[in-house]
C-alpha atoms as a PDB file:
ATOM      1  CA  MET A   1     154.967  25.046 110.222  1.00  0.00           C
ATOM      2  CA  THR A   2     156.455  21.811 111.600  1.00  0.00           C
ATOM      3  CA  ALA A   3     154.600  18.600 110.839  1.00  0.00           C
ATOM      4  CA  ARG A   4     153.408  16.585 113.826  1.00  0.00           C
ATOM      5  CA  HIS A   5     153.939  12.856 113.779  1.00  0.00           C
ATOM      6  CA  ASP A   6     151.788  11.953 116.771  1.00  0.00           C
ATOM      7  CA  LEU A   7     148.337  12.982 115.578  1.00  0.00           C
ATOM      8  CA  PRO A   8     146.391  10.758 113.242  1.00  0.00           C
ATOM      9  CA  GLU A   9     144.828  11.633 109.936  1.00  0.00           C
ATOM     10  CA  ALA A  10     141.308  10.242 110.255  1.00  0.00           C
ATOM     11  CA  ASP A  11     139.727   8.783 107.154  1.00  0.00           C
ATOM     12  CA  ALA A  12     136.093   7.861 106.560  1.00  0.00           C
ATOM     13  CA  PHE A  13     136.487   4.557 108.392  1.00  0.00           C
ATOM     14  CA  THR A  14     138.600   5.633 111.379  1.00  0.00           C
ATOM     15  CA  ARG A  15     136.809   8.947 111.997  1.00  0.00           C
ATOM     16  CA  THR A  16     134.409   7.178 114.400  1.00  0.00           C
ATOM     17  CA  TYR A  17     137.394   5.959 116.489  1.00  0.00           C
ATOM     18  CA  TRP A  18     139.150   9.327 116.590  1.00  0.00           C
ATOM     19  CA  ASN A  19     135.958  11.299 117.323  1.00  0.00           C
ATOM     20  CA  ALA A  20     135.278   9.006 120.285  1.00  0.00           C
ATOM     21  CA  ALA A  21     138.883   9.443 121.516  1.00  0.00           C
ATOM     22  CA  ALA A  22     138.500  13.211 121.283  1.00  0.00           C
ATOM     23  CA  ALA A  23     135.483  12.785 123.552  1.00  0.00           C
ATOM     24  CA  GLY A  24     137.460  10.637 126.041  1.00  0.00           C
ATOM     25  CA  ARG A  25     136.128   7.235 124.906  1.00  0.00           C
ATOM     26  CA  LEU A  26     138.236   4.303 123.800  1.00  0.00           C
ATOM     27  CA  LEU A  27     136.617   2.151 121.094  1.00  0.00           C
ATOM     28  CA  ILE A  28     137.443  -1.331 119.905  1.00  0.00           C
ATOM     29  CA  ARG A  29     135.934  -3.508 117.207  1.00  0.00           C
ATOM     30  CA  ARG A  30     134.073  -6.746 117.933  1.00  0.00           C
ATOM     31  CA  CYS A  31     133.190  -9.486 115.450  1.00  0.00           C
ATOM     32  CA  GLY A  32     129.591 -10.619 115.258  1.00  0.00           C
ATOM     33  CA  ALA A  33     130.606 -13.958 113.753  1.00  0.00           C
ATOM     34  CA  CYS A  34     133.282 -15.167 116.235  1.00  0.00           C
ATOM     35  CA  ALA A  35     132.665 -12.626 119.055  1.00  0.00           C
ATOM     36  CA  ARG A  36     136.372 -11.761 119.347  1.00  0.00           C
ATOM     37  CA  ALA A  37     137.444  -8.154 119.986  1.00  0.00           C
ATOM     38  CA  HIS A  38     140.329  -6.591 118.078  1.00  0.00           C
ATOM     39  CA  HIS A  39     142.363  -3.426 117.974  1.00  0.00           C
ATOM     40  CA  TYR A  40     143.595  -1.566 115.823  1.00  0.00           C
ATOM     41  CA  PRO A  41     140.317  -0.826 114.015  1.00  0.00           C
ATOM     42  CA  ARG A  42     139.782  -2.821 110.817  1.00  0.00           C
ATOM     43  CA  GLU A  43     136.794  -3.282 108.538  1.00  0.00           C
ATOM     44  CA  PHE A  44     137.040  -7.097 108.926  1.00  0.00           C
ATOM     45  CA  CYS A  45     137.810  -9.545 111.706  1.00  0.00           C
ATOM     46  CA  PRO A  46     141.505 -10.503 111.710  1.00  0.00           C
ATOM     47  CA  TYR A  47     140.594 -13.899 113.237  1.00  0.00           C
ATOM     48  CA  CYS A  48     137.804 -15.232 111.003  1.00  0.00           C
ATOM     49  CA  TRP A  49     137.793 -12.626 108.200  1.00  0.00           C
ATOM     50  CA  SER A  50     134.115 -11.759 108.731  1.00  0.00           C
ATOM     51  CA  GLU A  51     133.004  -8.260 107.803  1.00  0.00           C
ATOM     52  CA  ASP A  52     130.366  -8.420 110.538  1.00  0.00           C
ATOM     53  CA  VAL A  53     132.258  -6.153 112.915  1.00  0.00           C
ATOM     54  CA  THR A  54     130.949  -3.289 115.040  1.00  0.00           C
ATOM     55  CA  TRP A  55     132.334  -0.549 117.258  1.00  0.00           C
ATOM     56  CA  GLU A  56     132.054  -0.975 121.013  1.00  0.00           C
ATOM     57  CA  ASP A  57     133.186   1.047 124.011  1.00  0.00           C
ATOM     58  CA  ALA A  58     136.152  -0.402 125.798  1.00  0.00           C
ATOM     59  CA  SER A  59     136.354  -0.185 129.576  1.00  0.00           C
ATOM     60  CA  GLY A  60     139.682   1.669 129.458  1.00  0.00           C
ATOM     61  CA  ARG A  61     141.224  -0.940 131.814  1.00  0.00           C
ATOM     62  CA  ALA A  62     144.436  -2.625 130.759  1.00  0.00           C
ATOM     63  CA  THR A  63     147.507  -4.389 132.080  1.00  0.00           C
ATOM     64  CA  LEU A  64     151.028  -3.503 131.142  1.00  0.00           C
ATOM     65  CA  TYR A  65     152.524  -6.142 128.827  1.00  0.00           C
ATOM     66  CA  THR A  66     155.890  -4.514 127.946  1.00  0.00           C
ATOM     67  CA  TRP A  67     157.482  -1.067 127.685  1.00  0.00           C
ATOM     68  CA  SER A  68     160.600   0.795 126.650  1.00  0.00           C
ATOM     69  CA  VAL A  69     161.839   4.193 127.693  1.00  0.00           C
ATOM     70  CA  VAL A  70     162.594   6.366 124.657  1.00  0.00           C
ATOM     71  CA  HIS A  71     165.401   8.824 125.286  1.00  0.00           C
ATOM     72  CA  ARG A  72     165.768  10.201 121.779  1.00  0.00           C
ATOM     73  CA  ASN A  73     163.244  10.913 119.072  1.00  0.00           C
ATOM     74  CA  ASP A  74     163.812  13.690 116.560  1.00  0.00           C
ATOM     75  CA  LEU A  75     160.253  13.764 115.207  1.00  0.00           C
ATOM     76  CA  PRO A  76     158.096  16.620 116.505  1.00  0.00           C
ATOM     77  CA  PRO A  77     156.704  16.719 119.140  1.00  0.00           C
ATOM     78  CA  PHE A  78     158.356  13.587 120.612  1.00  0.00           C
ATOM     79  CA  GLY A  79     161.703  15.302 121.192  1.00  0.00           C
ATOM     80  CA  GLU A  80     159.967  17.647 123.677  1.00  0.00           C
ATOM     81  CA  ARG A  81     158.608  14.641 125.568  1.00  0.00           C
ATOM     82  CA  THR A  82     161.752  12.579 126.010  1.00  0.00           C
ATOM     83  CA  PRO A  83     162.196  10.510 127.937  1.00  0.00           C
ATOM     84  CA  TYR A  84     158.786   8.909 127.485  1.00  0.00           C
ATOM     85  CA  VAL A  85     157.482   5.379 127.912  1.00  0.00           C
ATOM     86  CA  ALA A  86     156.371   3.564 124.757  1.00  0.00           C
ATOM     87  CA  ALA A  87     154.303   0.551 125.786  1.00  0.00           C
ATOM     88  CA  VAL A  88     152.153  -2.365 124.757  1.00  0.00           C
ATOM     89  CA  VAL A  89     149.127  -3.048 126.962  1.00  0.00           C
ATOM     90  CA  ASP A  90     146.539  -5.823 127.108  1.00  0.00           C
ATOM     91  CA  LEU A  91     143.087  -4.317 127.125  1.00  0.00           C
ATOM     92  CA  ALA A  92     140.594  -5.879 129.544  1.00  0.00           C
ATOM     93  CA  GLU A  93     138.505  -6.893 126.499  1.00  0.00           C
ATOM     94  CA  GLY A  94     141.376  -8.939 125.101  1.00  0.00           C
ATOM     95  CA  PRO A  95     143.170  -6.999 122.347  1.00  0.00           C
ATOM     96  CA  ARG A  96     146.750  -5.823 122.694  1.00  0.00           C
ATOM     97  CA  MET A  97     147.405  -2.153 121.997  1.00  0.00           C
ATOM     98  CA  SER A  98     150.497  -0.005 121.381  1.00  0.00           C
ATOM     99  CA  THR A  99     150.413   3.191 123.365  1.00  0.00           C
ATOM    100  CA  GLU A 100     152.290   5.364 125.854  1.00  0.00           C
ATOM    101  CA  VAL A 101     152.329   5.259 129.659  1.00  0.00           C
ATOM    102  CA  VAL A 102     152.168   8.746 131.182  1.00  0.00           C
ATOM    103  CA  GLY A 103     152.519  10.231 134.649  1.00  0.00           C
ATOM    104  CA  GLU A 104     154.765   7.547 136.108  1.00  0.00           C
ATOM    105  CA  ASP A 105     158.461   7.096 136.764  1.00  0.00           C
ATOM    106  CA  ALA A 106     159.546   4.282 134.439  1.00  0.00           C
ATOM    107  CA  ASP A 107     161.466   2.618 137.314  1.00  0.00           C
ATOM    108  CA  THR A 108     158.140   1.884 139.049  1.00  0.00           C
ATOM    109  CA  LEU A 109     156.593   0.074 136.064  1.00  0.00           C
ATOM    110  CA  ARG A 110     156.108  -3.684 136.296  1.00  0.00           C
ATOM    111  CA  ALA A 111     154.668  -6.155 133.807  1.00  0.00           C
ATOM    112  CA  GLY A 112     151.090  -6.986 134.702  1.00  0.00           C
ATOM    113  CA  MET A 113     150.388  -3.742 136.579  1.00  0.00           C
ATOM    114  CA  ALA A 114     146.909  -2.305 136.212  1.00  0.00           C
ATOM    115  CA  LEU A 115     146.508   0.704 133.904  1.00  0.00           C
ATOM    116  CA  GLU A 116     143.651   2.950 132.840  1.00  0.00           C
ATOM    117  CA  ALA A 117     143.114   4.931 129.697  1.00  0.00           C
ATOM    118  CA  THR A 118     143.353   8.694 129.612  1.00  0.00           C
ATOM    119  CA  PHE A 119     143.559  10.963 126.602  1.00  0.00           C
ATOM    120  CA  ARG A 120     146.092  13.540 125.436  1.00  0.00           C
ATOM    121  CA  GLU A 121     144.949  15.730 122.551  1.00  0.00           C
ATOM    122  CA  GLY A 122     142.437  13.109 121.523  1.00  0.00           C
ATOM    123  CA  VAL A 123     144.938  10.233 121.562  1.00  0.00           C
ATOM    124  CA  PRO A 124     144.517   7.363 124.024  1.00  0.00           C
ATOM    125  CA  VAL A 125     147.438   6.884 126.436  1.00  0.00           C
ATOM    126  CA  PHE A 126     147.527   5.018 129.712  1.00  0.00           C
ATOM    127  CA  ARG A 127     148.478   5.717 133.323  1.00  0.00           C
ATOM    128  CA  VAL A 128     148.820   3.491 136.366  1.00  0.00           C
ATOM    129  CA  ALA A 129     145.262   2.804 137.640  1.00  0.00           C
ATOM    130  CA  GLY A 130     144.207   5.164 140.411  1.00  0.00           C
ATOM    131  CA  HIS A 131     147.191   7.518 139.934  1.00  0.00           C
ATOM    132  CA  GLY A 132     147.148  11.142 139.002  1.00  0.00           C
ATOM    133  CA  ALA A 133     145.134  13.453 136.811  1.00  0.00           C
ATOM    134  CA  PRO A 134     144.491  13.066 133.100  1.00  0.00           C
ATOM    135  CA  ALA A 135     147.400  13.637 130.686  1.00  0.00           C
END
């Protein structure tokens, strides 16, 4: 059996995040001390170091910050997906997130364009807002 490099191994802490993603919900963490949201999930606030952080549903709205088209990746299953668009997006709640943009010709992408979350095999990816069906 070939190992997959695109699916996470949930642990006791991240299981909440991945279970929500499997159900089509994007979660972020918010600090109760400084009120700032962050992503990727951590057990403490990366801004003020408080451990008073909780899960919250994100809206799924984002803007495209930057992207790169990947034409070669030998790790399964990425090779079957090439070319694909690796991207960094700014979530509406504030955090920046690494992800993939799906369902769009890379030539049409522009920094600042509106995106929305969708899910592929329980992993959040993004598409241009208002375009197409889920991944």
